Structure formats: C-alpha cells, structure tokens
Amino acid sequence: MIEAYKKLDKDGSGELSIKDLKGTYNARNHPDVKSGKKTEDDILYEFLDTFELHSSLRGGRRDHVVTLEEFFEYYNNISANIDDD
C-alpha cells in the first residue's frame, strides 16, 4: 500500500492532492463531465473525498488532501468487508 501511495504522490509531498491526480487520472470521459454536469476537477475532488470519508466520520476534516493514514484507513475498512482477505 505504501508503494501505491508513493506512486500517486507525484510531488513527493507525503500528501495526495488534486495536483497529484492530474495527469494520472483522466476524468474527461466520466459521464458527468461529458454531459456538462461536473468538471474534471469535480470528479478528481470526489475521488479524493472517497479516501477521506472514514476519517471524517470520526471527526476528521475533509480537505481534499489525503494523508497516508487516511489512505490506509480507507483500505483497512474495505478489507474488513472481504471475508477471505
């Protein structure tokens, strides 16, 4: 998981931000972008929000910056729902 995080952290800051995702994830073909409902940045921010959800439920702040701890917590919660993991 650390290697995956480092791969996403393009600037090596130790935090994932929209700057890190641009160029890595192409949101241009997302249905909401194609229809004009959302921008590419909207989609990238939603992606980052996915990783911050669990932390925010415990009182953490949603700031569109994903720490390694939030990244781990997200995957830990997913893993807990997979019986053979």
PDB file of N, CA and C in Angstrom:
ATOM      1  N   MET A   1       0.817  -1.180   0.000  1.00  0.00           N
ATOM      2  CA  MET A   1       0.000   0.000   0.000  1.00  0.00           C
ATOM      3  C   MET A   1       0.867   1.253   0.000  1.00  0.00           C
ATOM      4  N   ILE A   2       1.985   1.190   0.655  1.00  0.00           N
ATOM      5  CA  ILE A   2       2.880   2.350   0.676  1.00  0.00           C
ATOM      6  C   ILE A   2       3.374   2.643  -0.728  1.00  0.00           C
ATOM      7  N   GLU A   3       3.712   1.602  -1.466  1.00  0.00           N
ATOM      8  CA  GLU A   3       4.184   1.802  -2.841  1.00  0.00           C
ATOM      9  C   GLU A   3       3.101   2.420  -3.722  1.00  0.00           C
ATOM     10  N   ALA A   4       1.876   1.971  -3.553  1.00  0.00           N
ATOM     11  CA  ALA A   4       0.763   2.547  -4.326  1.00  0.00           C
ATOM     12  C   ALA A   4       0.586   4.017  -3.971  1.00  0.00           C
ATOM     13  N   TYR A   5       0.671   4.335  -2.695  1.00  0.00           N
ATOM     14  CA  TYR A   5       0.534   5.714  -2.244  1.00  0.00           C
ATOM     15  C   TYR A   5       1.642   6.578  -2.839  1.00  0.00           C
ATOM     16  N   LYS A   6       2.867   6.083  -2.773  1.00  0.00           N
ATOM     17  CA  LYS A   6       4.007   6.833  -3.316  1.00  0.00           C
ATOM     18  C   LYS A   6       3.861   7.068  -4.820  1.00  0.00           C
ATOM     19  N   LYS A   7       3.311   6.092  -5.503  1.00  0.00           N
ATOM     20  CA  LYS A   7       3.109   6.235  -6.948  1.00  0.00           C
ATOM     21  C   LYS A   7       2.106   7.349  -7.251  1.00  0.00           C
ATOM     22  N   LEU A   8       1.076   7.466  -6.429  1.00  0.00           N
ATOM     23  CA  LEU A   8       0.091   8.534  -6.610  1.00  0.00           C
ATOM     24  C   LEU A   8       0.638   9.893  -6.179  1.00  0.00           C
ATOM     25  N   ASP A   9       1.513   9.898  -5.199  1.00  0.00           N
ATOM     26  CA  ASP A   9       2.073  11.141  -4.657  1.00  0.00           C
ATOM     27  C   ASP A   9       3.180  11.650  -5.587  1.00  0.00           C
ATOM     28  N   LYS A  10       2.776  12.224  -6.690  1.00  0.00           N
ATOM     29  CA  LYS A  10       3.699  12.628  -7.753  1.00  0.00           C
ATOM     30  C   LYS A  10       4.752  13.639  -7.295  1.00  0.00           C
ATOM     31  N   ASP A  11       4.381  14.567  -6.404  1.00  0.00           N
ATOM     32  CA  ASP A  11       5.343  15.592  -5.996  1.00  0.00           C
ATOM     33  C   ASP A  11       6.141  15.197  -4.752  1.00  0.00           C
ATOM     34  N   GLY A  12       5.864  14.004  -4.201  1.00  0.00           N
ATOM     35  CA  GLY A  12       6.617  13.508  -3.059  1.00  0.00           C
ATOM     36  C   GLY A  12       6.379  14.276  -1.774  1.00  0.00           C
ATOM     37  N   SER A  13       5.266  14.982  -1.674  1.00  0.00           N
ATOM     38  CA  SER A  13       4.978  15.809  -0.503  1.00  0.00           C
ATOM     39  C   SER A  13       4.499  15.006   0.708  1.00  0.00           C
ATOM     40  N   GLY A  14       4.122  13.749   0.487  1.00  0.00           N
ATOM     41  CA  GLY A  14       3.568  12.955   1.575  1.00  0.00           C
ATOM     42  C   GLY A  14       2.076  13.130   1.725  1.00  0.00           C
ATOM     43  N   GLU A  15       1.466  13.851   0.792  1.00  0.00           N
ATOM     44  CA  GLU A  15       0.021  14.058   0.774  1.00  0.00           C
ATOM     45  C   GLU A  15      -0.470  13.963  -0.664  1.00  0.00           C
ATOM     46  N   LEU A  16      -1.643  13.368  -0.831  1.00  0.00           N
ATOM     47  CA  LEU A  16      -2.242  13.300  -2.158  1.00  0.00           C
ATOM     48  C   LEU A  16      -3.202  14.474  -2.324  1.00  0.00           C
ATOM     49  N   SER A  17      -3.007  15.205  -3.405  1.00  0.00           N
ATOM     50  CA  SER A  17      -3.874  16.344  -3.693  1.00  0.00           C
ATOM     51  C   SER A  17      -4.326  16.254  -5.149  1.00  0.00           C
ATOM     52  N   ILE A  18      -5.152  17.177  -5.535  1.00  0.00           N
ATOM     53  CA  ILE A  18      -5.635  17.180  -6.920  1.00  0.00           C
ATOM     54  C   ILE A  18      -4.469  17.364  -7.893  1.00  0.00           C
ATOM     55  N   LYS A  19      -3.438  18.081  -7.473  1.00  0.00           N
ATOM     56  CA  LYS A  19      -2.264  18.254  -8.330  1.00  0.00           C
ATOM     57  C   LYS A  19      -1.609  16.919  -8.645  1.00  0.00           C
ATOM     58  N   ASP A  20      -1.599  16.019  -7.663  1.00  0.00           N
ATOM     59  CA  ASP A  20      -1.014  14.692  -7.862  1.00  0.00           C
ATOM     60  C   ASP A  20      -1.841  13.862  -8.834  1.00  0.00           C
ATOM     61  N   LEU A  21      -3.154  14.042  -8.782  1.00  0.00           N
ATOM     62  CA  LEU A  21      -4.034  13.222  -9.613  1.00  0.00           C
ATOM     63  C   LEU A  21      -4.083  13.670 -11.062  1.00  0.00           C
ATOM     64  N   LYS A  22      -3.922  14.972 -11.283  1.00  0.00           N
ATOM     65  CA  LYS A  22      -3.961  15.466 -12.666  1.00  0.00           C
ATOM     66  C   LYS A  22      -2.799  14.834 -13.428  1.00  0.00           C
ATOM     67  N   GLY A  23      -3.076  14.298 -14.554  1.00  0.00           N
ATOM     68  CA  GLY A  23      -2.059  13.613 -15.336  1.00  0.00           C
ATOM     69  C   GLY A  23      -2.003  12.130 -15.046  1.00  0.00           C
ATOM     70  N   THR A  24      -2.514  11.719 -13.883  1.00  0.00           N
ATOM     71  CA  THR A  24      -2.564  10.304 -13.536  1.00  0.00           C
ATOM     72  C   THR A  24      -3.938   9.744 -13.857  1.00  0.00           C
ATOM     73  N   TYR A  25      -4.965  10.485 -13.475  1.00  0.00           N
ATOM     74  CA  TYR A  25      -6.344  10.081 -13.733  1.00  0.00           C
ATOM     75  C   TYR A  25      -6.965  11.037 -14.728  1.00  0.00           C
ATOM     76  N   ASN A  26      -7.570  10.473 -15.748  1.00  0.00           N
ATOM     77  CA  ASN A  26      -8.234  11.267 -16.770  1.00  0.00           C
ATOM     78  C   ASN A  26      -9.735  11.197 -16.523  1.00  0.00           C
ATOM     79  N   ALA A  27     -10.291  12.322 -16.100  1.00  0.00           N
ATOM     80  CA  ALA A  27     -11.721  12.366 -15.798  1.00  0.00           C
ATOM     81  C   ALA A  27     -12.541  12.859 -16.989  1.00  0.00           C
ATOM     82  N   ARG A  28     -11.877  13.143 -18.082  1.00  0.00           N
ATOM     83  CA  ARG A  28     -12.535  13.701 -19.267  1.00  0.00           C
ATOM     84  C   ARG A  28     -13.689  12.849 -19.787  1.00  0.00           C
ATOM     85  N   ASN A  29     -13.556  11.542 -19.658  1.00  0.00           N
ATOM     86  CA  ASN A  29     -14.571  10.643 -20.200  1.00  0.00           C
ATOM     87  C   ASN A  29     -15.621  10.216 -19.173  1.00  0.00           C
ATOM     88  N   HIS A  30     -15.555  10.787 -17.989  1.00  0.00           N
ATOM     89  CA  HIS A  30     -16.572  10.486 -16.976  1.00  0.00           C
ATOM     90  C   HIS A  30     -17.925  10.976 -17.504  1.00  0.00           C
ATOM     91  N   PRO A  31     -18.978  10.189 -17.329  1.00  0.00           N
ATOM     92  CA  PRO A  31     -20.294  10.580 -17.869  1.00  0.00           C
ATOM     93  C   PRO A  31     -20.765  11.968 -17.428  1.00  0.00           C
ATOM     94  N   ASP A  32     -20.514  12.343 -16.181  1.00  0.00           N
ATOM     95  CA  ASP A  32     -20.953  13.662 -15.709  1.00  0.00           C
ATOM     96  C   ASP A  32     -20.142  14.796 -16.323  1.00  0.00           C
ATOM     97  N   VAL A  33     -18.904  14.530 -16.649  1.00  0.00           N
ATOM     98  CA  VAL A  33     -18.087  15.547 -17.336  1.00  0.00           C
ATOM     99  C   VAL A  33     -18.558  15.674 -18.775  1.00  0.00           C
ATOM    100  N   LYS A  34     -18.766  14.539 -19.411  1.00  0.00           N
ATOM    101  CA  LYS A  34     -19.230  14.555 -20.807  1.00  0.00           C
ATOM    102  C   LYS A  34     -20.568  15.266 -20.956  1.00  0.00           C
ATOM    103  N   SER A  35     -21.444  15.114 -19.959  1.00  0.00           N
ATOM    104  CA  SER A  35     -22.774  15.739 -20.049  1.00  0.00           C
ATOM    105  C   SER A  35     -22.752  17.192 -19.599  1.00  0.00           C
ATOM    106  N   GLY A  36     -21.639  17.639 -19.026  1.00  0.00           N
ATOM    107  CA  GLY A  36     -21.537  19.026 -18.568  1.00  0.00           C
ATOM    108  C   GLY A  36     -22.023  19.245 -17.151  1.00  0.00           C
ATOM    109  N   LYS A  37     -22.418  18.188 -16.452  1.00  0.00           N
ATOM    110  CA  LYS A  37     -22.900  18.318 -15.067  1.00  0.00           C
ATOM    111  C   LYS A  37     -21.776  18.663 -14.096  1.00  0.00           C
ATOM    112  N   LYS A  38     -20.579  18.143 -14.376  1.00  0.00           N
ATOM    113  CA  LYS A  38     -19.432  18.344 -13.492  1.00  0.00           C
ATOM    114  C   LYS A  38     -18.191  18.628 -14.323  1.00  0.00           C
ATOM    115  N   THR A  39     -17.209  19.221 -13.653  1.00  0.00           N
ATOM    116  CA  THR A  39     -15.925  19.452 -14.304  1.00  0.00           C
ATOM    117  C   THR A  39     -14.986  18.289 -13.995  1.00  0.00           C
ATOM    118  N   GLU A  40     -13.879  18.239 -14.695  1.00  0.00           N
ATOM    119  CA  GLU A  40     -12.880  17.211 -14.399  1.00  0.00           C
ATOM    120  C   GLU A  40     -12.377  17.365 -12.973  1.00  0.00           C
ATOM    121  N   ASP A  41     -12.178  18.600 -12.526  1.00  0.00           N
ATOM    122  CA  ASP A  41     -11.735  18.829 -11.144  1.00  0.00           C
ATOM    123  C   ASP A  41     -12.768  18.326 -10.148  1.00  0.00           C
ATOM    124  N   ASP A  42     -14.050  18.513 -10.425  1.00  0.00           N
ATOM    125  CA  ASP A  42     -15.100  17.998  -9.535  1.00  0.00           C
ATOM    126  C   ASP A  42     -14.932  16.499  -9.327  1.00  0.00           C
ATOM    127  N   ILE A  43     -14.690  15.786 -10.405  1.00  0.00           N
ATOM    128  CA  ILE A  43     -14.534  14.328 -10.338  1.00  0.00           C
ATOM    129  C   ILE A  43     -13.286  13.960  -9.541  1.00  0.00           C
ATOM    130  N   LEU A  44     -12.194  14.668  -9.758  1.00  0.00           N
ATOM    131  CA  LEU A  44     -10.957  14.380  -9.021  1.00  0.00           C
ATOM    132  C   LEU A  44     -11.134  14.660  -7.531  1.00  0.00           C
ATOM    133  N   TYR A  45     -11.827  15.737  -7.184  1.00  0.00           N
ATOM    134  CA  TYR A  45     -12.100  16.023  -5.772  1.00  0.00           C
ATOM    135  C   TYR A  45     -12.976  14.941  -5.151  1.00  0.00           C
ATOM    136  N   GLU A  46     -13.945  14.444  -5.889  1.00  0.00           N
ATOM    137  CA  GLU A  46     -14.791  13.357  -5.385  1.00  0.00           C
ATOM    138  C   GLU A  46     -13.965  12.101  -5.135  1.00  0.00           C
ATOM    139  N   PHE A  47     -13.006  11.849  -6.018  1.00  0.00           N
ATOM    140  CA  PHE A  47     -12.115  10.699  -5.839  1.00  0.00           C
ATOM    141  C   PHE A  47     -11.336  10.859  -4.537  1.00  0.00           C
ATOM    142  N   LEU A  48     -10.778  12.036  -4.298  1.00  0.00           N
ATOM    143  CA  LEU A  48     -10.045  12.276  -3.055  1.00  0.00           C
ATOM    144  C   LEU A  48     -10.962  12.150  -1.842  1.00  0.00           C
ATOM    145  N   ASP A  49     -12.187  12.639  -1.964  1.00  0.00           N
ATOM    146  CA  ASP A  49     -13.156  12.548  -0.863  1.00  0.00           C
ATOM    147  C   ASP A  49     -13.413  11.109  -0.451  1.00  0.00           C
ATOM    148  N   THR A  50     -13.350  10.195  -1.393  1.00  0.00           N
ATOM    149  CA  THR A  50     -13.568   8.777  -1.109  1.00  0.00           C
ATOM    150  C   THR A  50     -12.610   8.293  -0.022  1.00  0.00           C
ATOM    151  N   PHE A  51     -11.368   8.729  -0.104  1.00  0.00           N
ATOM    152  CA  PHE A  51     -10.359   8.293   0.861  1.00  0.00           C
ATOM    153  C   PHE A  51     -10.507   8.990   2.213  1.00  0.00           C
ATOM    154  N   GLU A  52     -11.129  10.150   2.228  1.00  0.00           N
ATOM    155  CA  GLU A  52     -11.281  10.901   3.473  1.00  0.00           C
ATOM    156  C   GLU A  52     -12.577  10.586   4.215  1.00  0.00           C
ATOM    157  N   LEU A  53     -13.463   9.861   3.610  1.00  0.00           N
ATOM    158  CA  LEU A  53     -14.779   9.601   4.188  1.00  0.00           C
ATOM    159  C   LEU A  53     -14.702   8.991   5.580  1.00  0.00           C
ATOM    160  N   HIS A  54     -13.964   7.914   5.743  1.00  0.00           N
ATOM    161  CA  HIS A  54     -13.911   7.209   7.027  1.00  0.00           C
ATOM    162  C   HIS A  54     -13.323   8.102   8.119  1.00  0.00           C
ATOM    163  N   SER A  55     -12.305   8.833   7.782  1.00  0.00           N
ATOM    164  CA  SER A  55     -11.687   9.739   8.744  1.00  0.00           C
ATOM    165  C   SER A  55     -12.658  10.835   9.152  1.00  0.00           C
ATOM    166  N   SER A  56     -13.409  11.358   8.200  1.00  0.00           N
ATOM    167  CA  SER A  56     -14.348  12.445   8.501  1.00  0.00           C
ATOM    168  C   SER A  56     -15.503  11.963   9.370  1.00  0.00           C
ATOM    169  N   LEU A  57     -15.860  10.701   9.268  1.00  0.00           N
ATOM    170  CA  LEU A  57     -16.933  10.155  10.097  1.00  0.00           C
ATOM    171  C   LEU A  57     -16.533  10.105  11.572  1.00  0.00           C
ATOM    172  N   ARG A  58     -15.242  10.077  11.812  1.00  0.00           N
ATOM    173  CA  ARG A  58     -14.738  10.076  13.197  1.00  0.00           C
ATOM    174  C   ARG A  58     -14.329  11.467  13.652  1.00  0.00           C
ATOM    175  N   GLY A  59     -14.752  12.475  12.902  1.00  0.00           N
ATOM    176  CA  GLY A  59     -14.464  13.847  13.305  1.00  0.00           C
ATOM    177  C   GLY A  59     -13.299  14.477  12.569  1.00  0.00           C
ATOM    178  N   GLY A  60     -12.697  13.727  11.636  1.00  0.00           N
ATOM    179  CA  GLY A  60     -11.609  14.284  10.848  1.00  0.00           C
ATOM    180  C   GLY A  60     -12.116  15.320   9.858  1.00  0.00           C
ATOM    181  N   ARG A  61     -11.198  16.031   9.284  1.00  0.00           N
ATOM    182  CA  ARG A  61     -11.536  17.111   8.366  1.00  0.00           C
ATOM    183  C   ARG A  61     -11.421  16.648   6.917  1.00  0.00           C
ATOM    184  N   ARG A  62     -12.384  17.017   6.085  1.00  0.00           N
ATOM    185  CA  ARG A  62     -12.302  16.748   4.646  1.00  0.00           C
ATOM    186  C   ARG A  62     -11.688  17.980   3.987  1.00  0.00           C
ATOM    187  N   ASP A  63     -10.473  17.830   3.525  1.00  0.00           N
ATOM    188  CA  ASP A  63      -9.766  18.970   2.962  1.00  0.00           C
ATOM    189  C   ASP A  63      -9.225  18.705   1.557  1.00  0.00           C
ATOM    190  N   HIS A  64      -9.644  17.617   0.951  1.00  0.00           N
ATOM    191  CA  HIS A  64      -9.195  17.231  -0.389  1.00  0.00           C
ATOM    192  C   HIS A  64      -7.694  16.958  -0.434  1.00  0.00           C
ATOM    193  N   VAL A  65      -7.128  16.615   0.703  1.00  0.00           N
ATOM    194  CA  VAL A  65      -5.734  16.200   0.793  1.00  0.00           C
ATOM    195  C   VAL A  65      -5.730  14.889   1.566  1.00  0.00           C
ATOM    196  N   VAL A  66      -5.208  13.836   0.963  1.00  0.00           N
ATOM    197  CA  VAL A  66      -5.252  12.504   1.560  1.00  0.00           C
ATOM    198  C   VAL A  66      -3.881  12.161   2.133  1.00  0.00           C
ATOM    199  N   THR A  67      -3.873  11.924   3.434  1.00  0.00           N
ATOM    200  CA  THR A  67      -2.644  11.519   4.104  1.00  0.00           C
ATOM    201  C   THR A  67      -2.470  10.004   3.971  1.00  0.00           C
ATOM    202  N   LEU A  68      -1.280   9.543   4.273  1.00  0.00           N
ATOM    203  CA  LEU A  68      -1.029   8.099   4.245  1.00  0.00           C
ATOM    204  C   LEU A  68      -1.941   7.393   5.245  1.00  0.00           C
ATOM    205  N   GLU A  69      -2.174   8.006   6.396  1.00  0.00           N
ATOM    206  CA  GLU A  69      -3.065   7.426   7.405  1.00  0.00           C
ATOM    207  C   GLU A  69      -4.490   7.269   6.854  1.00  0.00           C
ATOM    208  N   GLU A  70      -5.009   8.277   6.162  1.00  0.00           N
ATOM    209  CA  GLU A  70      -6.351   8.195   5.578  1.00  0.00           C
ATOM    210  C   GLU A  70      -6.404   7.131   4.492  1.00  0.00           C
ATOM    211  N   PHE A  71      -5.346   7.029   3.707  1.00  0.00           N
ATOM    212  CA  PHE A  71      -5.247   6.027   2.647  1.00  0.00           C
ATOM    213  C   PHE A  71      -5.305   4.628   3.245  1.00  0.00           C
ATOM    214  N   PHE A  72      -4.511   4.401   4.307  1.00  0.00           N
ATOM    215  CA  PHE A  72      -4.510   3.106   4.992  1.00  0.00           C
ATOM    216  C   PHE A  72      -5.879   2.799   5.594  1.00  0.00           C
ATOM    217  N   GLU A  73      -6.472   3.786   6.238  1.00  0.00           N
ATOM    218  CA  GLU A  73      -7.766   3.574   6.882  1.00  0.00           C
ATOM    219  C   GLU A  73      -8.829   3.180   5.861  1.00  0.00           C
ATOM    220  N   TYR A  74      -8.811   3.832   4.716  1.00  0.00           N
ATOM    221  CA  TYR A  74      -9.765   3.509   3.655  1.00  0.00           C
ATOM    222  C   TYR A  74      -9.641   2.030   3.267  1.00  0.00           C
ATOM    223  N   TYR A  75      -8.422   1.586   2.972  1.00  0.00           N
ATOM    224  CA  TYR A  75      -8.233   0.200   2.545  1.00  0.00           C
ATOM    225  C   TYR A  75      -8.420  -0.791   3.679  1.00  0.00           C
ATOM    226  N   ASN A  76      -8.138  -0.397   4.890  1.00  0.00           N
ATOM    227  CA  ASN A  76      -8.403  -1.255   6.046  1.00  0.00           C
ATOM    228  C   ASN A  76      -9.895  -1.507   6.178  1.00  0.00           C
ATOM    229  N   ASN A  77     -10.699  -0.476   5.992  1.00  0.00           N
ATOM    230  CA  ASN A  77     -12.151  -0.635   6.078  1.00  0.00           C
ATOM    231  C   ASN A  77     -12.698  -1.476   4.931  1.00  0.00           C
ATOM    232  N   ILE A  78     -12.133  -1.338   3.764  1.00  0.00           N
ATOM    233  CA  ILE A  78     -12.558  -2.175   2.635  1.00  0.00           C
ATOM    234  C   ILE A  78     -12.199  -3.630   2.923  1.00  0.00           C
ATOM    235  N   SER A  79     -10.991  -3.857   3.398  1.00  0.00           N
ATOM    236  CA  SER A  79     -10.527  -5.206   3.681  1.00  0.00           C
ATOM    237  C   SER A  79     -11.396  -5.895   4.737  1.00  0.00           C
ATOM    238  N   ALA A  80     -11.880  -5.127   5.702  1.00  0.00           N
ATOM    239  CA  ALA A  80     -12.723  -5.696   6.759  1.00  0.00           C
ATOM    240  C   ALA A  80     -14.028  -6.253   6.220  1.00  0.00           C
ATOM    241  N   ASN A  81     -14.428  -5.810   5.051  1.00  0.00           N
ATOM    242  CA  ASN A  81     -15.677  -6.278   4.448  1.00  0.00           C
ATOM    243  C   ASN A  81     -15.494  -7.430   3.471  1.00  0.00           C
ATOM    244  N   ILE A  82     -14.266  -7.917   3.348  1.00  0.00           N
ATOM    245  CA  ILE A  82     -13.979  -9.030   2.445  1.00  0.00           C
ATOM    246  C   ILE A  82     -13.612 -10.236   3.299  1.00  0.00           C
ATOM    247  N   ASP A  83     -14.485 -11.216   3.297  1.00  0.00           N
ATOM    248  CA  ASP A  83     -14.334 -12.359   4.203  1.00  0.00           C
ATOM    249  C   ASP A  83     -13.013 -13.094   4.071  1.00  0.00           C
ATOM    250  N   ASP A  84     -12.512 -13.260   2.871  1.00  0.00           N
ATOM    251  CA  ASP A  84     -11.288 -14.057   2.696  1.00  0.00           C
ATOM    252  C   ASP A  84     -10.038 -13.194   2.569  1.00  0.00           C
ATOM    253  N   ASP A  85     -10.117 -11.966   3.020  1.00  0.00           N
ATOM    254  CA  ASP A  85      -8.950 -11.074   2.945  1.00  0.00           C
ATOM    255  C   ASP A  85      -8.180 -11.092   4.249  1.00  0.00           C
TER     256      ASP A  85
END
